[in-house]
Amino acid sequence: MPLVDLPRPPREPPPPRSIRRFIREANRRIERFRRDCHVPAFVPSDFAGAYAALSFLDESGCLSGNSFCEWGSGFGVTTCLAAMLGFRATGIEIDGELVDAARSLAEDYGIEAEFARGSFIPAGADDFVDAASECAWLSSVAGGGHEALGLDPDDFDVIFAYPWPDEECLTAALFERYARAGAVLLTDHEVGGLRLRRRRRTERVTR
């Protein structure tokens, strides 16, 4: 069953000063990381936009809870922003260097966010893994990120992802199959910017 598009968040004023400082420092670390390390699949998302969208969701009353997961959490910035808004925030990332960097960022700012190394493709999604065989960055070879967190995809109220263009349909399909009814998918797109979609409040698709 197709996901339901939600209205775009209204234009917001700039984030609070403390958030802007955090984003500036995160971007500084990211630039240094990209100079020193070579992770070709890592592209930072629109952090200020993600913060505004998460703030809008938090204040809208449309969520059934405050559990957040970032699929492909990279440097962990959006996950940290979610935690700073009061979400129970977790991130899943397949690259170990990025996981280490995300944990250091959260620790340095005293942010309670948890990061797991692994694939965000859920266990048992063999058909999706096969479909993603040409998408180099969507792989389950590093093990299950959800299992490392001790959580399932349907434990989350909000999932955020920044998919590559050829991964957009697959990411939405994974969310549609495995997310809980009523959960929200927030995605950042190279063309079109941020998008909000909700899984219909009906019985979940059989795995």
N, C-alpha and C. Protein backbone atom coordinates (compact mmCIF):
# COMPACT_ATOMS: atom_id res chain seq x y z
N MET A 1 0.85 -1.19 0.00
CA MET A 1 0.00 0.00 0.00
C MET A 1 0.88 1.24 0.00
N PRO A 2 0.63 2.20 -0.90
CA PRO A 2 1.52 3.37 -1.00
C PRO A 2 1.58 4.16 0.30
N LEU A 3 2.73 4.81 0.51
CA LEU A 3 2.88 5.70 1.64
C LEU A 3 2.10 6.98 1.37
N VAL A 4 1.71 7.64 2.44
CA VAL A 4 0.93 8.87 2.33
C VAL A 4 1.85 10.07 2.52
N ASP A 5 1.89 10.97 1.55
CA ASP A 5 2.68 12.18 1.69
C ASP A 5 2.07 13.10 2.73
N LEU A 6 2.90 13.68 3.58
CA LEU A 6 2.46 14.67 4.55
C LEU A 6 2.84 16.05 4.05
N PRO A 7 2.14 17.09 4.49
CA PRO A 7 2.50 18.45 4.06
C PRO A 7 3.93 18.78 4.44
N ARG A 8 4.57 19.56 3.59
CA ARG A 8 5.91 20.03 3.93
C ARG A 8 5.84 20.93 5.17
N PRO A 9 6.85 20.84 6.02
CA PRO A 9 6.87 21.75 7.18
C PRO A 9 6.88 23.20 6.71
N PRO A 10 6.20 24.09 7.43
CA PRO A 10 6.24 25.51 7.06
C PRO A 10 7.65 26.07 7.20
N ARG A 11 7.90 27.17 6.50
CA ARG A 11 9.21 27.80 6.63
C ARG A 11 9.43 28.22 8.07
N GLU A 12 10.59 27.86 8.57
CA GLU A 12 10.91 28.10 9.97
C GLU A 12 12.00 29.17 10.09
N PRO A 13 12.04 29.88 11.20
CA PRO A 13 13.20 30.76 11.43
C PRO A 13 14.45 29.92 11.60
N PRO A 14 15.62 30.53 11.55
CA PRO A 14 16.86 29.76 11.75
C PRO A 14 16.81 28.99 13.06
N PRO A 15 17.50 27.85 13.13
CA PRO A 15 17.54 27.08 14.38
C PRO A 15 18.12 27.93 15.51
N PRO A 16 17.88 27.54 16.75
CA PRO A 16 18.47 28.26 17.88
C PRO A 16 19.99 28.35 17.75
N ARG A 17 20.58 29.33 18.41
CA ARG A 17 22.01 29.58 18.28
C ARG A 17 22.82 28.35 18.66
N SER A 18 22.40 27.66 19.71
CA SER A 18 23.17 26.48 20.14
C SER A 18 23.16 25.40 19.05
N ILE A 19 22.05 25.26 18.34
CA ILE A 19 21.96 24.29 17.26
C ILE A 19 22.83 24.72 16.09
N ARG A 20 22.81 26.01 15.77
CA ARG A 20 23.65 26.51 14.68
C ARG A 20 25.13 26.29 14.99
N ARG A 21 25.52 26.50 16.24
CA ARG A 21 26.92 26.26 16.63
C ARG A 21 27.27 24.78 16.47
N PHE A 22 26.36 23.93 16.90
CA PHE A 22 26.60 22.49 16.78
C PHE A 22 26.76 22.08 15.32
N ILE A 23 25.89 22.59 14.45
CA ILE A 23 25.96 22.24 13.02
C ILE A 23 27.26 22.75 12.41
N ARG A 24 27.68 23.97 12.79
CA ARG A 24 28.94 24.51 12.26
C ARG A 24 30.11 23.62 12.66
N GLU A 25 30.14 23.21 13.93
CA GLU A 25 31.23 22.35 14.39
C GLU A 25 31.17 20.99 13.70
N ALA A 26 29.97 20.45 13.53
CA ALA A 26 29.83 19.17 12.84
C ALA A 26 30.33 19.28 11.41
N ASN A 27 29.97 20.35 10.72
CA ASN A 27 30.43 20.55 9.34
C ASN A 27 31.95 20.70 9.27
N ARG A 28 32.53 21.37 10.29
CA ARG A 28 33.98 21.51 10.32
C ARG A 28 34.63 20.13 10.44
N ARG A 29 34.09 19.30 11.33
CA ARG A 29 34.64 17.95 11.49
C ARG A 29 34.45 17.11 10.23
N ILE A 30 33.31 17.29 9.59
CA ILE A 30 33.03 16.54 8.37
C ILE A 30 34.03 16.89 7.28
N GLU A 31 34.30 18.18 7.12
CA GLU A 31 35.27 18.59 6.10
C GLU A 31 36.65 18.00 6.38
N ARG A 32 37.06 18.00 7.64
CA ARG A 32 38.35 17.40 8.00
C ARG A 32 38.33 15.90 7.75
N PHE A 33 37.22 15.26 8.10
CA PHE A 33 37.09 13.82 7.87
C PHE A 33 37.19 13.50 6.39
N ARG A 34 36.54 14.29 5.55
CA ARG A 34 36.54 14.01 4.11
C ARG A 34 37.91 14.26 3.48
N ARG A 35 38.71 15.12 4.10
CA ARG A 35 40.08 15.32 3.63
C ARG A 35 40.97 14.14 4.00
N ASP A 36 40.75 13.62 5.20
CA ASP A 36 41.65 12.60 5.74
C ASP A 36 41.23 11.18 5.41
N CYS A 37 39.94 10.97 5.19
CA CYS A 37 39.41 9.63 4.95
C CYS A 37 38.76 9.57 3.57
N HIS A 38 38.55 8.39 3.09
CA HIS A 38 37.96 8.21 1.77
C HIS A 38 36.76 7.28 1.89
N VAL A 39 35.59 7.86 2.09
CA VAL A 39 34.34 7.12 2.16
C VAL A 39 33.46 7.68 1.05
N PRO A 40 33.56 7.15 -0.17
CA PRO A 40 32.93 7.78 -1.33
C PRO A 40 31.41 7.87 -1.25
N ALA A 41 30.77 7.02 -0.46
CA ALA A 41 29.31 7.06 -0.39
C ALA A 41 28.79 8.09 0.61
N PHE A 42 29.70 8.76 1.31
CA PHE A 42 29.28 9.68 2.37
C PHE A 42 29.09 11.08 1.81
N VAL A 43 27.83 11.55 1.85
CA VAL A 43 27.48 12.92 1.44
C VAL A 43 26.61 13.50 2.54
N PRO A 44 27.02 14.60 3.17
CA PRO A 44 26.21 15.18 4.26
C PRO A 44 24.85 15.67 3.75
N SER A 45 23.85 15.56 4.59
CA SER A 45 22.51 16.02 4.22
C SER A 45 22.29 17.45 4.69
N ASP A 46 21.07 17.93 4.53
CA ASP A 46 20.68 19.29 4.93
C ASP A 46 20.34 19.26 6.42
N PHE A 47 21.33 19.53 7.26
CA PHE A 47 21.13 19.38 8.70
C PHE A 47 20.13 20.39 9.25
N ALA A 48 20.22 21.64 8.83
CA ALA A 48 19.27 22.65 9.32
C ALA A 48 17.86 22.30 8.88
N GLY A 49 17.71 21.82 7.64
CA GLY A 49 16.39 21.42 7.16
C GLY A 49 15.85 20.22 7.92
N ALA A 50 16.72 19.25 8.20
CA ALA A 50 16.29 18.08 8.96
C ALA A 50 15.87 18.48 10.37
N TYR A 51 16.63 19.39 10.98
CA TYR A 51 16.26 19.87 12.32
C TYR A 51 14.88 20.52 12.29
N ALA A 52 14.62 21.36 11.27
CA ALA A 52 13.32 22.03 11.17
C ALA A 52 12.20 21.03 10.99
N ALA A 53 12.43 20.01 10.15
CA ALA A 53 11.39 19.01 9.92
C ALA A 53 11.12 18.18 11.18
N LEU A 54 12.18 17.80 11.89
CA LEU A 54 12.00 17.04 13.12
C LEU A 54 11.33 17.87 14.20
N SER A 55 11.68 19.15 14.27
CA SER A 55 11.03 20.04 15.22
C SER A 55 9.55 20.16 14.91
N PHE A 56 9.22 20.27 13.62
CA PHE A 56 7.83 20.35 13.19
C PHE A 56 7.08 19.08 13.58
N LEU A 57 7.67 17.91 13.34
CA LEU A 57 7.02 16.66 13.71
C LEU A 57 6.83 16.56 15.22
N ASP A 58 7.84 16.97 15.96
CA ASP A 58 7.78 16.89 17.42
C ASP A 58 6.64 17.76 17.97
N GLU A 59 6.44 18.92 17.37
CA GLU A 59 5.43 19.86 17.87
C GLU A 59 4.05 19.61 17.28
N SER A 60 3.96 18.81 16.22
CA SER A 60 2.69 18.64 15.52
C SER A 60 1.71 17.73 16.24
N GLY A 61 2.22 16.85 17.10
CA GLY A 61 1.35 15.90 17.78
C GLY A 61 0.92 14.74 16.90
N CYS A 62 1.55 14.60 15.72
CA CYS A 62 1.13 13.53 14.81
C CYS A 62 1.88 12.22 15.04
N LEU A 63 2.87 12.23 15.94
CA LEU A 63 3.64 11.02 16.20
C LEU A 63 3.06 10.28 17.40
N SER A 64 3.15 8.96 17.35
CA SER A 64 2.65 8.16 18.47
C SER A 64 3.70 7.96 19.54
N GLY A 65 4.93 8.34 19.26
CA GLY A 65 6.02 8.21 20.22
C GLY A 65 7.21 9.03 19.79
N ASN A 66 8.35 8.83 20.46
CA ASN A 66 9.52 9.67 20.17
C ASN A 66 10.76 8.86 19.81
N SER A 67 10.56 7.67 19.25
CA SER A 67 11.68 6.82 18.88
C SER A 67 12.11 7.12 17.45
N PHE A 68 13.41 7.41 17.28
CA PHE A 68 13.96 7.85 16.00
C PHE A 68 15.11 6.95 15.59
N CYS A 69 15.19 6.66 14.28
CA CYS A 69 16.33 5.94 13.75
C CYS A 69 16.73 6.55 12.41
N GLU A 70 18.05 6.70 12.22
CA GLU A 70 18.58 7.18 10.95
C GLU A 70 19.20 6.02 10.21
N TRP A 71 18.68 5.75 9.03
CA TRP A 71 19.21 4.69 8.18
C TRP A 71 20.36 5.26 7.35
N GLY A 72 21.56 4.81 7.63
CA GLY A 72 22.74 5.37 6.98
C GLY A 72 23.11 6.67 7.66
N SER A 73 23.51 6.57 8.94
CA SER A 73 23.63 7.76 9.78
C SER A 73 24.90 8.56 9.56
N GLY A 74 25.85 8.04 8.77
CA GLY A 74 27.02 8.83 8.44
C GLY A 74 27.73 9.37 9.66
N PHE A 75 27.90 10.69 9.70
CA PHE A 75 28.60 11.35 10.80
C PHE A 75 27.73 11.49 12.04
N GLY A 76 26.47 11.11 11.94
CA GLY A 76 25.59 11.11 13.11
C GLY A 76 24.95 12.44 13.44
N VAL A 77 25.06 13.43 12.56
CA VAL A 77 24.60 14.78 12.90
C VAL A 77 23.08 14.82 13.07
N THR A 78 22.35 14.26 12.11
CA THR A 78 20.89 14.30 12.20
C THR A 78 20.40 13.49 13.40
N THR A 79 21.05 12.37 13.68
CA THR A 79 20.68 11.60 14.87
C THR A 79 20.90 12.41 16.13
N CYS A 80 22.01 13.12 16.19
CA CYS A 80 22.28 13.98 17.35
C CYS A 80 21.24 15.10 17.46
N LEU A 81 20.87 15.69 16.34
CA LEU A 81 19.85 16.74 16.36
C LEU A 81 18.52 16.20 16.87
N ALA A 82 18.18 14.99 16.45
CA ALA A 82 16.95 14.37 16.95
C ALA A 82 17.01 14.19 18.47
N ALA A 83 18.17 13.73 18.96
CA ALA A 83 18.33 13.57 20.41
C ALA A 83 18.21 14.91 21.12
N MET A 84 18.74 15.97 20.53
CA MET A 84 18.68 17.29 21.15
C MET A 84 17.24 17.82 21.20
N LEU A 85 16.38 17.29 20.33
CA LEU A 85 14.96 17.66 20.35
C LEU A 85 14.16 16.77 21.30
N GLY A 86 14.81 15.79 21.90
CA GLY A 86 14.12 14.94 22.87
C GLY A 86 13.72 13.58 22.34
N PHE A 87 14.10 13.27 21.10
CA PHE A 87 13.82 11.94 20.57
C PHE A 87 14.77 10.92 21.20
N ARG A 88 14.31 9.69 21.33
CA ARG A 88 15.18 8.57 21.69
C ARG A 88 15.87 8.15 20.39
N ALA A 89 17.08 8.64 20.18
CA ALA A 89 17.68 8.65 18.86
C ALA A 89 18.75 7.59 18.68
N THR A 90 18.68 6.89 17.54
CA THR A 90 19.65 5.88 17.19
C THR A 90 20.00 6.04 15.71
N GLY A 91 21.18 5.55 15.33
CA GLY A 91 21.60 5.58 13.95
C GLY A 91 22.27 4.27 13.56
N ILE A 92 22.09 3.89 12.31
CA ILE A 92 22.71 2.68 11.77
C ILE A 92 23.59 3.08 10.60
N GLU A 93 24.85 2.66 10.63
CA GLU A 93 25.81 3.04 9.58
C GLU A 93 26.73 1.87 9.29
N ILE A 94 26.99 1.63 8.01
CA ILE A 94 27.76 0.46 7.62
C ILE A 94 29.27 0.69 7.70
N ASP A 95 29.70 1.95 7.66
CA ASP A 95 31.14 2.25 7.67
C ASP A 95 31.62 2.49 9.10
N GLY A 96 32.62 1.71 9.50
CA GLY A 96 33.09 1.79 10.88
C GLY A 96 33.72 3.12 11.24
N GLU A 97 34.44 3.75 10.31
CA GLU A 97 35.06 5.05 10.60
C GLU A 97 33.99 6.11 10.87
N LEU A 98 32.91 6.06 10.13
CA LEU A 98 31.83 7.01 10.35
C LEU A 98 31.13 6.75 11.68
N VAL A 99 30.96 5.50 12.04
CA VAL A 99 30.36 5.18 13.33
C VAL A 99 31.21 5.74 14.46
N ASP A 100 32.52 5.57 14.37
CA ASP A 100 33.43 6.11 15.39
C ASP A 100 33.32 7.63 15.46
N ALA A 101 33.26 8.27 14.29
CA ALA A 101 33.16 9.73 14.26
C ALA A 101 31.84 10.21 14.87
N ALA A 102 30.77 9.50 14.58
CA ALA A 102 29.46 9.87 15.12
C ALA A 102 29.45 9.72 16.64
N ARG A 103 30.01 8.65 17.13
CA ARG A 103 30.05 8.44 18.58
C ARG A 103 30.88 9.52 19.26
N SER A 104 31.99 9.91 18.64
CA SER A 104 32.84 10.97 19.22
C SER A 104 32.10 12.30 19.25
N LEU A 105 31.38 12.61 18.18
CA LEU A 105 30.63 13.86 18.13
C LEU A 105 29.58 13.90 19.24
N ALA A 106 28.83 12.81 19.38
CA ALA A 106 27.80 12.77 20.42
C ALA A 106 28.42 12.85 21.81
N GLU A 107 29.50 12.13 22.03
CA GLU A 107 30.15 12.13 23.34
C GLU A 107 30.69 13.51 23.69
N ASP A 108 31.31 14.18 22.72
CA ASP A 108 31.89 15.50 22.98
C ASP A 108 30.85 16.53 23.36
N TYR A 109 29.62 16.35 22.89
CA TYR A 109 28.54 17.30 23.20
C TYR A 109 27.59 16.77 24.28
N GLY A 110 27.91 15.62 24.85
CA GLY A 110 27.06 15.07 25.90
C GLY A 110 25.68 14.69 25.40
N ILE A 111 25.60 14.23 24.17
CA ILE A 111 24.31 13.90 23.55
C ILE A 111 24.05 12.41 23.69
N GLU A 112 22.87 12.06 24.16
CA GLU A 112 22.51 10.65 24.35
C GLU A 112 21.93 10.11 23.04
N ALA A 113 22.82 9.62 22.20
CA ALA A 113 22.44 8.99 20.94
C ALA A 113 23.25 7.72 20.79
N GLU A 114 22.63 6.69 20.22
CA GLU A 114 23.30 5.40 20.08
C GLU A 114 23.51 5.10 18.60
N PHE A 115 24.72 4.61 18.28
CA PHE A 115 25.05 4.30 16.90
C PHE A 115 25.51 2.84 16.80
N ALA A 116 25.00 2.16 15.78
CA ALA A 116 25.36 0.77 15.56
C ALA A 116 25.96 0.61 14.18
N ARG A 117 26.98 -0.24 14.09
CA ARG A 117 27.55 -0.53 12.78
C ARG A 117 26.82 -1.71 12.16
N GLY A 118 26.42 -1.54 10.90
CA GLY A 118 25.74 -2.61 10.19
C GLY A 118 24.89 -2.06 9.07
N SER A 119 24.17 -2.94 8.43
CA SER A 119 23.25 -2.56 7.37
C SER A 119 21.88 -2.26 7.98
N PHE A 120 21.19 -1.27 7.43
CA PHE A 120 19.83 -1.00 7.91
C PHE A 120 18.80 -1.89 7.22
N ILE A 121 19.24 -2.70 6.24
CA ILE A 121 18.31 -3.63 5.61
C ILE A 121 17.95 -4.69 6.64
N PRO A 122 16.67 -4.86 6.97
CA PRO A 122 16.28 -5.77 8.05
C PRO A 122 16.60 -7.23 7.72
N ALA A 123 16.78 -8.00 8.77
CA ALA A 123 16.98 -9.43 8.61
C ALA A 123 15.76 -10.03 7.92
N GLY A 124 16.03 -10.93 6.99
CA GLY A 124 14.94 -11.58 6.28
C GLY A 124 14.51 -10.88 5.02
N ALA A 125 15.13 -9.73 4.74
CA ALA A 125 14.75 -8.97 3.54
C ALA A 125 15.61 -9.39 2.35
N ASP A 126 15.71 -10.69 2.12
CA ASP A 126 16.58 -11.19 1.07
C ASP A 126 16.15 -10.68 -0.30
N ASP A 127 14.84 -10.55 -0.52
CA ASP A 127 14.38 -10.07 -1.82
C ASP A 127 14.84 -8.64 -2.05
N PHE A 128 14.87 -7.82 -0.98
CA PHE A 128 15.34 -6.45 -1.12
C PHE A 128 16.84 -6.41 -1.36
N VAL A 129 17.58 -7.28 -0.68
CA VAL A 129 19.03 -7.33 -0.88
C VAL A 129 19.33 -7.70 -2.32
N ASP A 130 18.59 -8.67 -2.87
CA ASP A 130 18.80 -9.06 -4.25
C ASP A 130 18.48 -7.90 -5.19
N ALA A 131 17.41 -7.18 -4.90
CA ALA A 131 17.03 -6.04 -5.74
C ALA A 131 18.06 -4.94 -5.67
N ALA A 132 18.79 -4.88 -4.55
CA ALA A 132 19.77 -3.81 -4.34
C ALA A 132 21.17 -4.22 -4.76
N SER A 133 21.29 -5.31 -5.51
CA SER A 133 22.62 -5.82 -5.83
C SER A 133 23.47 -4.83 -6.60
N GLU A 134 22.85 -3.92 -7.33
CA GLU A 134 23.61 -2.92 -8.08
C GLU A 134 23.79 -1.63 -7.29
N CYS A 135 23.21 -1.55 -6.12
CA CYS A 135 23.37 -0.37 -5.26
C CYS A 135 24.47 -0.69 -4.25
N ALA A 136 25.67 -0.27 -4.54
CA ALA A 136 26.83 -0.71 -3.75
C ALA A 136 26.71 -0.37 -2.28
N TRP A 137 26.01 0.70 -1.96
CA TRP A 137 25.99 1.16 -0.57
C TRP A 137 24.85 0.56 0.22
N LEU A 138 23.96 -0.16 -0.46
CA LEU A 138 22.89 -0.85 0.25
C LEU A 138 23.25 -2.33 0.30
N SER A 139 23.96 -2.70 1.34
CA SER A 139 24.45 -4.07 1.48
C SER A 139 24.22 -4.55 2.90
N SER A 140 23.99 -5.83 3.03
CA SER A 140 23.82 -6.41 4.37
C SER A 140 25.06 -7.16 4.84
N VAL A 141 26.19 -7.01 4.11
CA VAL A 141 27.36 -7.84 4.42
C VAL A 141 27.94 -7.54 5.78
N ALA A 142 27.71 -6.34 6.34
CA ALA A 142 28.31 -6.00 7.63
C ALA A 142 27.46 -6.48 8.80
N GLY A 143 26.36 -7.14 8.52
CA GLY A 143 25.50 -7.61 9.60
C GLY A 143 24.36 -6.67 9.85
N GLY A 144 23.48 -7.05 10.76
CA GLY A 144 22.24 -6.33 10.96
C GLY A 144 22.38 -5.19 11.96
N GLY A 145 22.14 -3.98 11.49
CA GLY A 145 22.20 -2.83 12.38
C GLY A 145 21.09 -2.83 13.41
N HIS A 146 19.90 -3.26 13.02
CA HIS A 146 18.79 -3.29 13.97
C HIS A 146 19.07 -4.29 15.10
N GLU A 147 19.62 -5.43 14.71
CA GLU A 147 19.95 -6.43 15.73
C GLU A 147 20.99 -5.89 16.71
N ALA A 148 21.96 -5.12 16.20
CA ALA A 148 22.98 -4.55 17.08
C ALA A 148 22.38 -3.58 18.07
N LEU A 149 21.31 -2.90 17.68
CA LEU A 149 20.61 -1.99 18.59
C LEU A 149 19.65 -2.72 19.52
N GLY A 150 19.35 -3.98 19.19
CA GLY A 150 18.36 -4.73 19.96
C GLY A 150 16.95 -4.24 19.68
N LEU A 151 16.74 -3.70 18.46
CA LEU A 151 15.44 -3.15 18.08
C LEU A 151 15.06 -3.65 16.70
N ASP A 152 13.79 -3.54 16.37
CA ASP A 152 13.27 -3.88 15.06
C ASP A 152 12.86 -2.61 14.33
N PRO A 153 12.76 -2.65 12.99
CA PRO A 153 12.33 -1.45 12.26
C PRO A 153 10.96 -0.92 12.70
N ASP A 154 10.10 -1.81 13.20
CA ASP A 154 8.78 -1.34 13.62
C ASP A 154 8.77 -0.82 15.05
N ASP A 155 9.94 -0.64 15.64
CA ASP A 155 10.02 -0.02 16.96
C ASP A 155 10.13 1.51 16.87
N PHE A 156 10.25 2.04 15.66
CA PHE A 156 10.54 3.47 15.50
C PHE A 156 9.31 4.25 15.04
N ASP A 157 9.20 5.47 15.55
CA ASP A 157 8.12 6.38 15.15
C ASP A 157 8.55 7.26 13.98
N VAL A 158 9.85 7.53 13.88
CA VAL A 158 10.39 8.32 12.77
C VAL A 158 11.66 7.64 12.27
N ILE A 159 11.76 7.49 10.95
CA ILE A 159 12.98 7.01 10.31
C ILE A 159 13.42 8.07 9.32
N PHE A 160 14.71 8.42 9.39
CA PHE A 160 15.29 9.40 8.47
C PHE A 160 16.31 8.71 7.58
N ALA A 161 16.33 9.11 6.30
CA ALA A 161 17.32 8.57 5.37
C ALA A 161 17.63 9.62 4.32
N TYR A 162 18.86 9.54 3.81
CA TYR A 162 19.30 10.39 2.71
C TYR A 162 19.74 9.45 1.58
N PRO A 163 18.78 8.92 0.82
CA PRO A 163 19.13 7.90 -0.18
C PRO A 163 19.73 8.50 -1.44
N TRP A 164 20.63 7.72 -2.06
CA TRP A 164 21.08 8.07 -3.39
C TRP A 164 19.89 7.95 -4.34
N PRO A 165 19.91 8.67 -5.47
CA PRO A 165 18.74 8.66 -6.37
C PRO A 165 18.28 7.26 -6.77
N ASP A 166 19.23 6.32 -7.00
CA ASP A 166 18.81 4.98 -7.41
C ASP A 166 18.41 4.10 -6.23
N GLU A 167 18.44 4.65 -5.03
CA GLU A 167 18.02 3.92 -3.83
C GLU A 167 16.70 4.42 -3.27
N GLU A 168 16.15 5.49 -3.83
CA GLU A 168 14.99 6.13 -3.23
C GLU A 168 13.78 5.19 -3.15
N CYS A 169 13.49 4.50 -4.26
CA CYS A 169 12.33 3.60 -4.27
C CYS A 169 12.54 2.43 -3.32
N LEU A 170 13.76 1.92 -3.27
CA LEU A 170 14.06 0.79 -2.39
C LEU A 170 13.93 1.18 -0.92
N THR A 171 14.44 2.36 -0.57
CA THR A 171 14.32 2.82 0.81
C THR A 171 12.86 2.96 1.21
N ALA A 172 12.04 3.53 0.34
CA ALA A 172 10.62 3.67 0.64
C ALA A 172 9.94 2.31 0.75
N ALA A 173 10.33 1.37 -0.11
CA ALA A 173 9.73 0.04 -0.06
C ALA A 173 10.09 -0.70 1.22
N LEU A 174 11.35 -0.55 1.67
CA LEU A 174 11.73 -1.15 2.95
C LEU A 174 10.91 -0.58 4.09
N PHE A 175 10.75 0.74 4.08
CA PHE A 175 9.96 1.38 5.13
C PHE A 175 8.51 0.90 5.08
N GLU A 176 7.96 0.82 3.87
CA GLU A 176 6.56 0.41 3.73
C GLU A 176 6.33 -1.00 4.24
N ARG A 177 7.30 -1.88 4.02
CA ARG A 177 7.12 -3.26 4.46
C ARG A 177 7.35 -3.42 5.96
N TYR A 178 8.38 -2.74 6.51
CA TYR A 178 8.83 -3.09 7.86
C TYR A 178 8.47 -2.08 8.94
N ALA A 179 8.14 -0.85 8.60
CA ALA A 179 7.85 0.15 9.63
C ALA A 179 6.49 -0.11 10.27
N ARG A 180 6.32 0.42 11.45
CA ARG A 180 5.03 0.28 12.14
C ARG A 180 3.99 1.17 11.47
N ALA A 181 2.72 0.79 11.61
CA ALA A 181 1.64 1.61 11.10
C ALA A 181 1.66 2.97 11.80
N GLY A 182 1.56 4.04 11.01
CA GLY A 182 1.57 5.38 11.56
C GLY A 182 2.94 6.01 11.66
N ALA A 183 4.00 5.22 11.43
CA ALA A 183 5.36 5.77 11.49
C ALA A 183 5.57 6.73 10.32
N VAL A 184 6.54 7.64 10.50
CA VAL A 184 6.83 8.66 9.50
C VAL A 184 8.23 8.44 8.93
N LEU A 185 8.33 8.53 7.60
CA LEU A 185 9.60 8.46 6.90
C LEU A 185 9.98 9.87 6.45
N LEU A 186 11.10 10.37 6.95
CA LEU A 186 11.64 11.66 6.55
C LEU A 186 12.86 11.40 5.68
N THR A 187 12.81 11.87 4.43
CA THR A 187 13.92 11.64 3.52
C THR A 187 14.41 12.96 2.94
N ASP A 188 15.72 12.98 2.70
CA ASP A 188 16.37 14.13 2.07
C ASP A 188 16.78 13.69 0.67
N HIS A 189 16.41 14.47 -0.35
CA HIS A 189 16.65 14.08 -1.73
C HIS A 189 17.51 15.10 -2.44
N GLU A 190 18.39 14.58 -3.30
CA GLU A 190 19.26 15.46 -4.07
C GLU A 190 18.45 16.45 -4.90
N VAL A 191 17.33 15.98 -5.44
CA VAL A 191 16.40 16.83 -6.17
C VAL A 191 15.08 16.82 -5.43
N GLY A 192 14.63 17.98 -4.98
CA GLY A 192 13.34 18.05 -4.29
C GLY A 192 13.43 18.29 -2.80
N GLY A 193 14.61 18.12 -2.22
CA GLY A 193 14.77 18.41 -0.80
C GLY A 193 14.10 17.40 0.10
N LEU A 194 13.61 17.87 1.23
CA LEU A 194 13.05 16.99 2.26
C LEU A 194 11.62 16.58 1.92
N ARG A 195 11.30 15.34 2.29
CA ARG A 195 9.97 14.79 2.03
C ARG A 195 9.50 14.02 3.26
N LEU A 196 8.24 14.19 3.63
CA LEU A 196 7.63 13.50 4.76
C LEU A 196 6.55 12.56 4.24
N ARG A 197 6.62 11.28 4.68
CA ARG A 197 5.59 10.32 4.32
C ARG A 197 5.23 9.47 5.54
N ARG A 198 3.99 9.05 5.59
CA ARG A 198 3.52 8.23 6.71
C ARG A 198 3.07 6.86 6.19
N ARG A 199 3.37 5.84 6.98
CA ARG A 199 2.84 4.52 6.69
C ARG A 199 1.39 4.47 7.16
N ARG A 200 0.52 4.04 6.29
CA ARG A 200 -0.91 4.04 6.60
C ARG A 200 -1.18 3.28 7.88
N ARG A 201 -2.16 3.74 8.62
CA ARG A 201 -2.52 3.10 9.89
C ARG A 201 -3.41 1.89 9.61
N THR A 202 -2.83 0.88 8.98
CA THR A 202 -3.51 -0.36 8.69
C THR A 202 -2.59 -1.50 9.07
N GLU A 203 -3.06 -2.72 8.90
CA GLU A 203 -2.25 -3.88 9.26
C GLU A 203 -0.99 -3.91 8.41
N ARG A 204 0.13 -4.26 9.02
CA ARG A 204 1.40 -4.30 8.32
C ARG A 204 1.39 -5.36 7.25
N VAL A 205 2.17 -5.12 6.18
CA VAL A 205 2.32 -6.11 5.13
C VAL A 205 3.02 -7.35 5.69
N THR A 206 2.57 -8.52 5.33
CA THR A 206 3.18 -9.75 5.80
C THR A 206 4.59 -9.89 5.26
N ARG A 207 5.51 -10.22 6.11
CA ARG A 207 6.90 -10.37 5.69
C ARG A 207 7.09 -11.63 4.86
